[in-house]
Amino acid sequence: MDNVARDLESQGFTVRTEVRFDTPGGFYPFRFADVVAYDSDGNLVSLHQVGLQTKGGIPAIRETRAMSDIWSVIDDGVDIVFHPYGTVK
């Protein structure tokens, strides 16, 4: 997660970690994005989730559901990027 944040900061974004999003109607009532990037005007640009992936290379169900919940409450045009750090056993 730290590497993702540092990379975004080096690109000029303001970065926050563990940002809460209320997700009514989702799998859970709220979720936390691991890393969030904002532009110089404070606009949300991208969300980054760091987690496990399946052997097939897709995010594990926990991460998929978290991203789905967050996606349902953010504006169009905001990217959600998944960064795998390992594989589900």
PDB file of N, CA and C in Angstrom:
ATOM      1  N   MET A   1       0.822  -1.180   0.000  1.00  0.00           N
ATOM      2  CA  MET A   1       0.000   0.000   0.000  1.00  0.00           C
ATOM      3  C   MET A   1       0.872   1.253   0.000  1.00  0.00           C
ATOM      4  N   ASP A   2       1.958   1.218   0.736  1.00  0.00           N
ATOM      5  CA  ASP A   2       2.855   2.374   0.791  1.00  0.00           C
ATOM      6  C   ASP A   2       3.450   2.679  -0.579  1.00  0.00           C
ATOM      7  N   ASN A   3       3.773   1.631  -1.335  1.00  0.00           N
ATOM      8  CA  ASN A   3       4.340   1.843  -2.670  1.00  0.00           C
ATOM      9  C   ASN A   3       3.342   2.530  -3.590  1.00  0.00           C
ATOM     10  N   VAL A   4       2.086   2.127  -3.492  1.00  0.00           N
ATOM     11  CA  VAL A   4       1.039   2.738  -4.312  1.00  0.00           C
ATOM     12  C   VAL A   4       0.920   4.217  -3.963  1.00  0.00           C
ATOM     13  N   ALA A   5       0.866   4.527  -2.681  1.00  0.00           N
ATOM     14  CA  ALA A   5       0.741   5.915  -2.227  1.00  0.00           C
ATOM     15  C   ALA A   5       1.934   6.753  -2.693  1.00  0.00           C
ATOM     16  N   ARG A   6       3.126   6.223  -2.538  1.00  0.00           N
ATOM     17  CA  ARG A   6       4.332   6.969  -2.957  1.00  0.00           C
ATOM     18  C   ARG A   6       4.328   7.233  -4.462  1.00  0.00           C
ATOM     19  N   ASP A   7       3.917   6.226  -5.231  1.00  0.00           N
ATOM     20  CA  ASP A   7       3.870   6.379  -6.679  1.00  0.00           C
ATOM     21  C   ASP A   7       2.888   7.486  -7.072  1.00  0.00           C
ATOM     22  N   LEU A   8       1.727   7.503  -6.458  1.00  0.00           N
ATOM     23  CA  LEU A   8       0.726   8.531  -6.762  1.00  0.00           C
ATOM     24  C   LEU A   8       1.212   9.915  -6.346  1.00  0.00           C
ATOM     25  N   GLU A   9       1.854  10.006  -5.192  1.00  0.00           N
ATOM     26  CA  GLU A   9       2.404  11.288  -4.746  1.00  0.00           C
ATOM     27  C   GLU A   9       3.473  11.795  -5.711  1.00  0.00           C
ATOM     28  N   SER A  10       4.283  10.889  -6.244  1.00  0.00           N
ATOM     29  CA  SER A  10       5.328  11.295  -7.186  1.00  0.00           C
ATOM     30  C   SER A  10       4.732  11.815  -8.493  1.00  0.00           C
ATOM     31  N   GLN A  11       3.477  11.459  -8.764  1.00  0.00           N
ATOM     32  CA  GLN A  11       2.775  11.948  -9.959  1.00  0.00           C
ATOM     33  C   GLN A  11       2.040  13.264  -9.679  1.00  0.00           C
ATOM     34  N   GLY A  12       2.151  13.765  -8.448  1.00  0.00           N
ATOM     35  CA  GLY A  12       1.562  15.056  -8.117  1.00  0.00           C
ATOM     36  C   GLY A  12       0.202  15.003  -7.459  1.00  0.00           C
ATOM     37  N   PHE A  13      -0.288  13.808  -7.143  1.00  0.00           N
ATOM     38  CA  PHE A  13      -1.591  13.687  -6.494  1.00  0.00           C
ATOM     39  C   PHE A  13      -1.463  13.840  -4.984  1.00  0.00           C
ATOM     40  N   THR A  14      -2.520  14.330  -4.378  1.00  0.00           N
ATOM     41  CA  THR A  14      -2.642  14.303  -2.926  1.00  0.00           C
ATOM     42  C   THR A  14      -3.225  12.944  -2.569  1.00  0.00           C
ATOM     43  N   VAL A  15      -2.647  12.284  -1.602  1.00  0.00           N
ATOM     44  CA  VAL A  15      -3.021  10.904  -1.282  1.00  0.00           C
ATOM     45  C   VAL A  15      -3.506  10.796   0.157  1.00  0.00           C
ATOM     46  N   ARG A  16      -4.569  10.014   0.338  1.00  0.00           N
ATOM     47  CA  ARG A  16      -5.039   9.640   1.669  1.00  0.00           C
ATOM     48  C   ARG A  16      -5.185   8.124   1.689  1.00  0.00           C
ATOM     49  N   THR A  17      -4.990   7.535   2.840  1.00  0.00           N
ATOM     50  CA  THR A  17      -5.145   6.093   2.974  1.00  0.00           C
ATOM     51  C   THR A  17      -6.312   5.776   3.906  1.00  0.00           C
ATOM     52  N   GLU A  18      -6.854   4.577   3.708  1.00  0.00           N
ATOM     53  CA  GLU A  18      -7.974   4.078   4.527  1.00  0.00           C
ATOM     54  C   GLU A  18      -9.112   5.093   4.604  1.00  0.00           C
ATOM     55  N   VAL A  19      -9.624   5.463   3.436  1.00  0.00           N
ATOM     56  CA  VAL A  19     -10.711   6.442   3.342  1.00  0.00           C
ATOM     57  C   VAL A  19     -12.048   5.709   3.363  1.00  0.00           C
ATOM     58  N   ARG A  20     -12.918   6.137   4.271  1.00  0.00           N
ATOM     59  CA  ARG A  20     -14.223   5.493   4.431  1.00  0.00           C
ATOM     60  C   ARG A  20     -15.232   6.023   3.409  1.00  0.00           C
ATOM     61  N   PHE A  21     -15.989   5.088   2.844  1.00  0.00           N
ATOM     62  CA  PHE A  21     -17.104   5.395   1.961  1.00  0.00           C
ATOM     63  C   PHE A  21     -18.348   4.710   2.503  1.00  0.00           C
ATOM     64  N   ASP A  22     -19.411   5.477   2.713  1.00  0.00           N
ATOM     65  CA  ASP A  22     -20.686   4.874   3.094  1.00  0.00           C
ATOM     66  C   ASP A  22     -21.266   4.205   1.858  1.00  0.00           C
ATOM     67  N   THR A  23     -21.698   2.946   2.005  1.00  0.00           N
ATOM     68  CA  THR A  23     -22.179   2.168   0.865  1.00  0.00           C
ATOM     69  C   THR A  23     -23.541   1.543   1.182  1.00  0.00           C
ATOM     70  N   PRO A  24     -24.569   2.392   1.343  1.00  0.00           N
ATOM     71  CA  PRO A  24     -25.898   1.848   1.639  1.00  0.00           C
ATOM     72  C   PRO A  24     -26.359   0.909   0.525  1.00  0.00           C
ATOM     73  N   GLY A  25     -26.918  -0.222   0.911  1.00  0.00           N
ATOM     74  CA  GLY A  25     -27.364  -1.199  -0.072  1.00  0.00           C
ATOM     75  C   GLY A  25     -26.266  -2.111  -0.574  1.00  0.00           C
ATOM     76  N   GLY A  26     -25.055  -1.925  -0.079  1.00  0.00           N
ATOM     77  CA  GLY A  26     -23.939  -2.765  -0.513  1.00  0.00           C
ATOM     78  C   GLY A  26     -23.848  -4.035   0.317  1.00  0.00           C
ATOM     79  N   PHE A  27     -22.789  -4.772   0.103  1.00  0.00           N
ATOM     80  CA  PHE A  27     -22.558  -5.978   0.895  1.00  0.00           C
ATOM     81  C   PHE A  27     -22.335  -5.611   2.361  1.00  0.00           C
ATOM     82  N   TYR A  28     -21.733  -4.449   2.595  1.00  0.00           N
ATOM     83  CA  TYR A  28     -21.535  -3.875   3.926  1.00  0.00           C
ATOM     84  C   TYR A  28     -21.984  -2.415   3.878  1.00  0.00           C
ATOM     85  N   PRO A  29     -22.378  -1.837   5.013  1.00  0.00           N
ATOM     86  CA  PRO A  29     -22.876  -0.458   4.997  1.00  0.00           C
ATOM     87  C   PRO A  29     -21.795   0.594   4.746  1.00  0.00           C
ATOM     88  N   PHE A  30     -20.544   0.227   4.904  1.00  0.00           N
ATOM     89  CA  PHE A  30     -19.443   1.133   4.578  1.00  0.00           C
ATOM     90  C   PHE A  30     -18.224   0.308   4.221  1.00  0.00           C
ATOM     91  N   ARG A  31     -17.324   0.947   3.475  1.00  0.00           N
ATOM     92  CA  ARG A  31     -16.066   0.313   3.047  1.00  0.00           C
ATOM     93  C   ARG A  31     -14.941   1.321   3.185  1.00  0.00           C
ATOM     94  N   PHE A  32     -13.724   0.796   3.216  1.00  0.00           N
ATOM     95  CA  PHE A  32     -12.539   1.639   3.233  1.00  0.00           C
ATOM     96  C   PHE A  32     -11.720   1.376   1.979  1.00  0.00           C
ATOM     97  N   ALA A  33     -11.412   2.439   1.247  1.00  0.00           N
ATOM     98  CA  ALA A  33     -10.489   2.324   0.121  1.00  0.00           C
ATOM     99  C   ALA A  33      -9.087   2.399   0.699  1.00  0.00           C
ATOM    100  N   ASP A  34      -8.197   1.553   0.212  1.00  0.00           N
ATOM    101  CA  ASP A  34      -6.830   1.518   0.755  1.00  0.00           C
ATOM    102  C   ASP A  34      -6.079   2.814   0.488  1.00  0.00           C
ATOM    103  N   VAL A  35      -6.112   3.276  -0.751  1.00  0.00           N
ATOM    104  CA  VAL A  35      -5.410   4.505  -1.132  1.00  0.00           C
ATOM    105  C   VAL A  35      -6.338   5.299  -2.052  1.00  0.00           C
ATOM    106  N   VAL A  36      -6.431   6.599  -1.807  1.00  0.00           N
ATOM    107  CA  VAL A  36      -7.276   7.471  -2.615  1.00  0.00           C
ATOM    108  C   VAL A  36      -6.429   8.640  -3.110  1.00  0.00           C
ATOM    109  N   ALA A  37      -6.574   8.958  -4.401  1.00  0.00           N
ATOM    110  CA  ALA A  37      -5.809  10.053  -5.007  1.00  0.00           C
ATOM    111  C   ALA A  37      -6.742  11.200  -5.378  1.00  0.00           C
ATOM    112  N   TYR A  38      -6.296  12.420  -5.062  1.00  0.00           N
ATOM    113  CA  TYR A  38      -7.037  13.641  -5.386  1.00  0.00           C
ATOM    114  C   TYR A  38      -6.157  14.542  -6.247  1.00  0.00           C
ATOM    115  N   ASP A  39      -6.799  15.285  -7.146  1.00  0.00           N
ATOM    116  CA  ASP A  39      -6.041  16.236  -7.958  1.00  0.00           C
ATOM    117  C   ASP A  39      -5.789  17.513  -7.157  1.00  0.00           C
ATOM    118  N   SER A  40      -5.159  18.484  -7.792  1.00  0.00           N
ATOM    119  CA  SER A  40      -4.764  19.708  -7.090  1.00  0.00           C
ATOM    120  C   SER A  40      -5.962  20.546  -6.645  1.00  0.00           C
ATOM    121  N   ASP A  41      -7.138  20.290  -7.224  1.00  0.00           N
ATOM    122  CA  ASP A  41      -8.355  20.998  -6.823  1.00  0.00           C
ATOM    123  C   ASP A  41      -9.135  20.243  -5.752  1.00  0.00           C
ATOM    124  N   GLY A  42      -8.608  19.090  -5.328  1.00  0.00           N
ATOM    125  CA  GLY A  42      -9.283  18.294  -4.311  1.00  0.00           C
ATOM    126  C   GLY A  42     -10.330  17.334  -4.840  1.00  0.00           C
ATOM    127  N   ASN A  43     -10.367  17.171  -6.165  1.00  0.00           N
ATOM    128  CA  ASN A  43     -11.325  16.246  -6.767  1.00  0.00           C
ATOM    129  C   ASN A  43     -10.808  14.814  -6.698  1.00  0.00           C
ATOM    130  N   LEU A  44     -11.692  13.893  -6.386  1.00  0.00           N
ATOM    131  CA  LEU A  44     -11.357  12.473  -6.349  1.00  0.00           C
ATOM    132  C   LEU A  44     -11.008  12.007  -7.755  1.00  0.00           C
ATOM    133  N   VAL A  45      -9.838  11.409  -7.906  1.00  0.00           N
ATOM    134  CA  VAL A  45      -9.363  10.962  -9.208  1.00  0.00           C
ATOM    135  C   VAL A  45      -9.370   9.442  -9.312  1.00  0.00           C
ATOM    136  N   SER A  46      -8.861   8.768  -8.276  1.00  0.00           N
ATOM    137  CA  SER A  46      -8.785   7.307  -8.341  1.00  0.00           C
ATOM    138  C   SER A  46      -8.746   6.699  -6.942  1.00  0.00           C
ATOM    139  N   LEU A  47      -9.229   5.464  -6.884  1.00  0.00           N
ATOM    140  CA  LEU A  47      -9.194   4.664  -5.668  1.00  0.00           C
ATOM    141  C   LEU A  47      -8.341   3.441  -5.954  1.00  0.00           C
ATOM    142  N   HIS A  48      -7.600   3.000  -4.945  1.00  0.00           N
ATOM    143  CA  HIS A  48      -6.707   1.863  -5.132  1.00  0.00           C
ATOM    144  C   HIS A  48      -6.927   0.862  -4.013  1.00  0.00           C
ATOM    145  N   GLN A  49      -7.248  -0.366  -4.397  1.00  0.00           N
ATOM    146  CA  GLN A  49      -7.425  -1.457  -3.453  1.00  0.00           C
ATOM    147  C   GLN A  49      -6.233  -2.392  -3.587  1.00  0.00           C
ATOM    148  N   VAL A  50      -5.682  -2.780  -2.453  1.00  0.00           N
ATOM    149  CA  VAL A  50      -4.552  -3.692  -2.409  1.00  0.00           C
ATOM    150  C   VAL A  50      -5.045  -4.968  -1.734  1.00  0.00           C
ATOM    151  N   GLY A  51      -4.863  -6.117  -2.400  1.00  0.00           N
ATOM    152  CA  GLY A  51      -5.361  -7.347  -1.800  1.00  0.00           C
ATOM    153  C   GLY A  51      -4.931  -8.589  -2.542  1.00  0.00           C
ATOM    154  N   LEU A  52      -5.521  -9.687  -2.130  1.00  0.00           N
ATOM    155  CA  LEU A  52      -5.205 -10.986  -2.726  1.00  0.00           C
ATOM    156  C   LEU A  52      -5.977 -11.189  -4.022  1.00  0.00           C
ATOM    157  N   GLN A  53      -5.381 -11.959  -4.906  1.00  0.00           N
ATOM    158  CA  GLN A  53      -6.042 -12.331  -6.151  1.00  0.00           C
ATOM    159  C   GLN A  53      -6.178 -13.853  -6.213  1.00  0.00           C
ATOM    160  N   THR A  54      -7.038 -14.340  -7.114  1.00  0.00           N
ATOM    161  CA  THR A  54      -7.199 -15.776  -7.305  1.00  0.00           C
ATOM    162  C   THR A  54      -6.061 -16.298  -8.176  1.00  0.00           C
ATOM    163  N   LYS A  55      -5.985 -17.609  -8.294  1.00  0.00           N
ATOM    164  CA  LYS A  55      -4.983 -18.206  -9.177  1.00  0.00           C
ATOM    165  C   LYS A  55      -5.202 -17.781 -10.618  1.00  0.00           C
ATOM    166  N   GLY A  56      -6.448 -17.411 -10.951  1.00  0.00           N
ATOM    167  CA  GLY A  56      -6.774 -16.943 -12.294  1.00  0.00           C
ATOM    168  C   GLY A  56      -6.424 -15.482 -12.533  1.00  0.00           C
ATOM    169  N   GLY A  57      -5.956 -14.798 -11.489  1.00  0.00           N
ATOM    170  CA  GLY A  57      -5.508 -13.423 -11.644  1.00  0.00           C
ATOM    171  C   GLY A  57      -6.569 -12.354 -11.425  1.00  0.00           C
ATOM    172  N   ILE A  58      -7.736 -12.739 -10.879  1.00  0.00           N
ATOM    173  CA  ILE A  58      -8.762 -11.735 -10.590  1.00  0.00           C
ATOM    174  C   ILE A  58      -8.804 -11.467  -9.081  1.00  0.00           C
ATOM    175  N   PRO A  59      -9.291 -10.298  -8.686  1.00  0.00           N
ATOM    176  CA  PRO A  59      -9.347 -10.001  -7.249  1.00  0.00           C
ATOM    177  C   PRO A  59     -10.171 -11.044  -6.492  1.00  0.00           C
ATOM    178  N   ALA A  60      -9.720 -11.389  -5.291  1.00  0.00           N
ATOM    179  CA  ALA A  60     -10.462 -12.312  -4.436  1.00  0.00           C
ATOM    180  C   ALA A  60     -11.841 -11.722  -4.154  1.00  0.00           C
ATOM    181  N   ILE A  61     -12.796 -12.562  -3.774  1.00  0.00           N
ATOM    182  CA  ILE A  61     -14.176 -12.130  -3.595  1.00  0.00           C
ATOM    183  C   ILE A  61     -14.293 -10.982  -2.593  1.00  0.00           C
ATOM    184  N   ARG A  62     -13.512 -11.009  -1.548  1.00  0.00           N
ATOM    185  CA  ARG A  62     -13.550  -9.915  -0.561  1.00  0.00           C
ATOM    186  C   ARG A  62     -13.228  -8.586  -1.219  1.00  0.00           C
ATOM    187  N   GLU A  63     -12.204  -8.570  -2.060  1.00  0.00           N
ATOM    188  CA  GLU A  63     -11.809  -7.342  -2.753  1.00  0.00           C
ATOM    189  C   GLU A  63     -12.821  -6.963  -3.828  1.00  0.00           C
ATOM    190  N   THR A  64     -13.337  -7.954  -4.534  1.00  0.00           N
ATOM    191  CA  THR A  64     -14.333  -7.691  -5.569  1.00  0.00           C
ATOM    192  C   THR A  64     -15.569  -7.035  -4.977  1.00  0.00           C
ATOM    193  N   ARG A  65     -16.031  -7.547  -3.851  1.00  0.00           N
ATOM    194  CA  ARG A  65     -17.215  -6.973  -3.206  1.00  0.00           C
ATOM    195  C   ARG A  65     -16.943  -5.569  -2.675  1.00  0.00           C
ATOM    196  N   ALA A  66     -15.770  -5.368  -2.115  1.00  0.00           N
ATOM    197  CA  ALA A  66     -15.416  -4.033  -1.616  1.00  0.00           C
ATOM    198  C   ALA A  66     -15.399  -3.023  -2.770  1.00  0.00           C
ATOM    199  N   MET A  67     -14.774  -3.388  -3.878  1.00  0.00           N
ATOM    200  CA  MET A  67     -14.713  -2.478  -5.017  1.00  0.00           C
ATOM    201  C   MET A  67     -16.103  -2.231  -5.599  1.00  0.00           C
ATOM    202  N   SER A  68     -16.928  -3.260  -5.630  1.00  0.00           N
ATOM    203  CA  SER A  68     -18.299  -3.109  -6.123  1.00  0.00           C
ATOM    204  C   SER A  68     -19.094  -2.144  -5.259  1.00  0.00           C
ATOM    205  N   ASP A  69     -18.991  -2.308  -3.944  1.00  0.00           N
ATOM    206  CA  ASP A  69     -19.698  -1.410  -3.031  1.00  0.00           C
ATOM    207  C   ASP A  69     -19.259   0.036  -3.235  1.00  0.00           C
ATOM    208  N   ILE A  70     -17.955   0.270  -3.304  1.00  0.00           N
ATOM    209  CA  ILE A  70     -17.442   1.626  -3.463  1.00  0.00           C
ATOM    210  C   ILE A  70     -17.824   2.183  -4.831  1.00  0.00           C
ATOM    211  N   TRP A  71     -17.712   1.375  -5.855  1.00  0.00           N
ATOM    212  CA  TRP A  71     -18.052   1.810  -7.211  1.00  0.00           C
ATOM    213  C   TRP A  71     -19.483   2.330  -7.282  1.00  0.00           C
ATOM    214  N   SER A  72     -20.375   1.736  -6.489  1.00  0.00           N
ATOM    215  CA  SER A  72     -21.787   2.126  -6.547  1.00  0.00           C
ATOM    216  C   SER A  72     -22.048   3.520  -5.979  1.00  0.00           C
ATOM    217  N   VAL A  73     -21.090   4.103  -5.268  1.00  0.00           N
ATOM    218  CA  VAL A  73     -21.331   5.406  -4.636  1.00  0.00           C
ATOM    219  C   VAL A  73     -20.388   6.515  -5.108  1.00  0.00           C
ATOM    220  N   ILE A  74     -19.509   6.215  -6.058  1.00  0.00           N
ATOM    221  CA  ILE A  74     -18.599   7.259  -6.555  1.00  0.00           C
ATOM    222  C   ILE A  74     -19.055   7.738  -7.929  1.00  0.00           C
ATOM    223  N   ASP A  75     -18.551   8.886  -8.336  1.00  0.00           N
ATOM    224  CA  ASP A  75     -18.902   9.453  -9.636  1.00  0.00           C
ATOM    225  C   ASP A  75     -18.285   8.651 -10.768  1.00  0.00           C
ATOM    226  N   ASP A  76     -18.968   8.685 -11.907  1.00  0.00           N
ATOM    227  CA  ASP A  76     -18.392   8.103 -13.119  1.00  0.00           C
ATOM    228  C   ASP A  76     -17.092   8.836 -13.429  1.00  0.00           C
ATOM    229  N   GLY A  77     -16.158   8.133 -14.001  1.00  0.00           N
ATOM    230  CA  GLY A  77     -14.888   8.751 -14.354  1.00  0.00           C
ATOM    231  C   GLY A  77     -13.817   8.609 -13.293  1.00  0.00           C
ATOM    232  N   VAL A  78     -14.203   8.133 -12.101  1.00  0.00           N
ATOM    233  CA  VAL A  78     -13.212   7.870 -11.052  1.00  0.00           C
ATOM    234  C   VAL A  78     -12.775   6.413 -11.210  1.00  0.00           C
ATOM    235  N   ASP A  79     -11.487   6.214 -11.386  1.00  0.00           N
ATOM    236  CA  ASP A  79     -10.955   4.863 -11.585  1.00  0.00           C
ATOM    237  C   ASP A  79     -10.811   4.124 -10.258  1.00  0.00           C
ATOM    238  N   ILE A  80     -11.120   2.830 -10.297  1.00  0.00           N
ATOM    239  CA  ILE A  80     -10.783   1.939  -9.182  1.00  0.00           C
ATOM    240  C   ILE A  80      -9.744   0.971  -9.720  1.00  0.00           C
ATOM    241  N   VAL A  81      -8.584   0.961  -9.066  1.00  0.00           N
ATOM    242  CA  VAL A  81      -7.465   0.136  -9.529  1.00  0.00           C
ATOM    243  C   VAL A  81      -7.136  -0.889  -8.454  1.00  0.00           C
ATOM    244  N   PHE A  82      -7.001  -2.144  -8.875  1.00  0.00           N
ATOM    245  CA  PHE A  82      -6.651  -3.222  -7.956  1.00  0.00           C
ATOM    246  C   PHE A  82      -5.170  -3.542  -8.082  1.00  0.00           C
ATOM    247  N   HIS A  83      -4.502  -3.653  -6.929  1.00  0.00           N
ATOM    248  CA  HIS A  83      -3.082  -3.984  -6.874  1.00  0.00           C
ATOM    249  C   HIS A  83      -2.913  -5.276  -6.081  1.00  0.00           C
ATOM    250  N   PRO A  84      -2.641  -6.394  -6.755  1.00  0.00           N
ATOM    251  CA  PRO A  84      -2.493  -7.654  -6.031  1.00  0.00           C
ATOM    252  C   PRO A  84      -1.158  -7.734  -5.284  1.00  0.00           C
ATOM    253  N   TYR A  85      -1.186  -8.360  -4.118  1.00  0.00           N
ATOM    254  CA  TYR A  85       0.057  -8.587  -3.389  1.00  0.00           C
ATOM    255  C   TYR A  85       0.309 -10.068  -3.140  1.00  0.00           C
ATOM    256  N   GLY A  86      -0.607 -10.913  -3.564  1.00  0.00           N
ATOM    257  CA  GLY A  86      -0.441 -12.348  -3.379  1.00  0.00           C
ATOM    258  C   GLY A  86      -1.642 -13.083  -3.934  1.00  0.00           C
ATOM    259  N   THR A  87      -1.614 -14.407  -3.802  1.00  0.00           N
ATOM    260  CA  THR A  87      -2.670 -15.256  -4.336  1.00  0.00           C
ATOM    261  C   THR A  87      -3.373 -15.999  -3.214  1.00  0.00           C
ATOM    262  N   VAL A  88      -4.706 -16.109  -3.330  1.00  0.00           N
ATOM    263  CA  VAL A  88      -5.505 -16.857  -2.368  1.00  0.00           C
ATOM    264  C   VAL A  88      -5.077 -18.313  -2.428  1.00  0.00           C
ATOM    265  N   LYS A  89      -4.951 -18.936  -1.270  1.00  0.00           N
ATOM    266  CA  LYS A  89      -4.537 -20.346  -1.236  1.00  0.00           C
ATOM    267  C   LYS A  89      -5.732 -21.256  -1.256  1.00  0.00           C
TER     268      LYS A  89
END
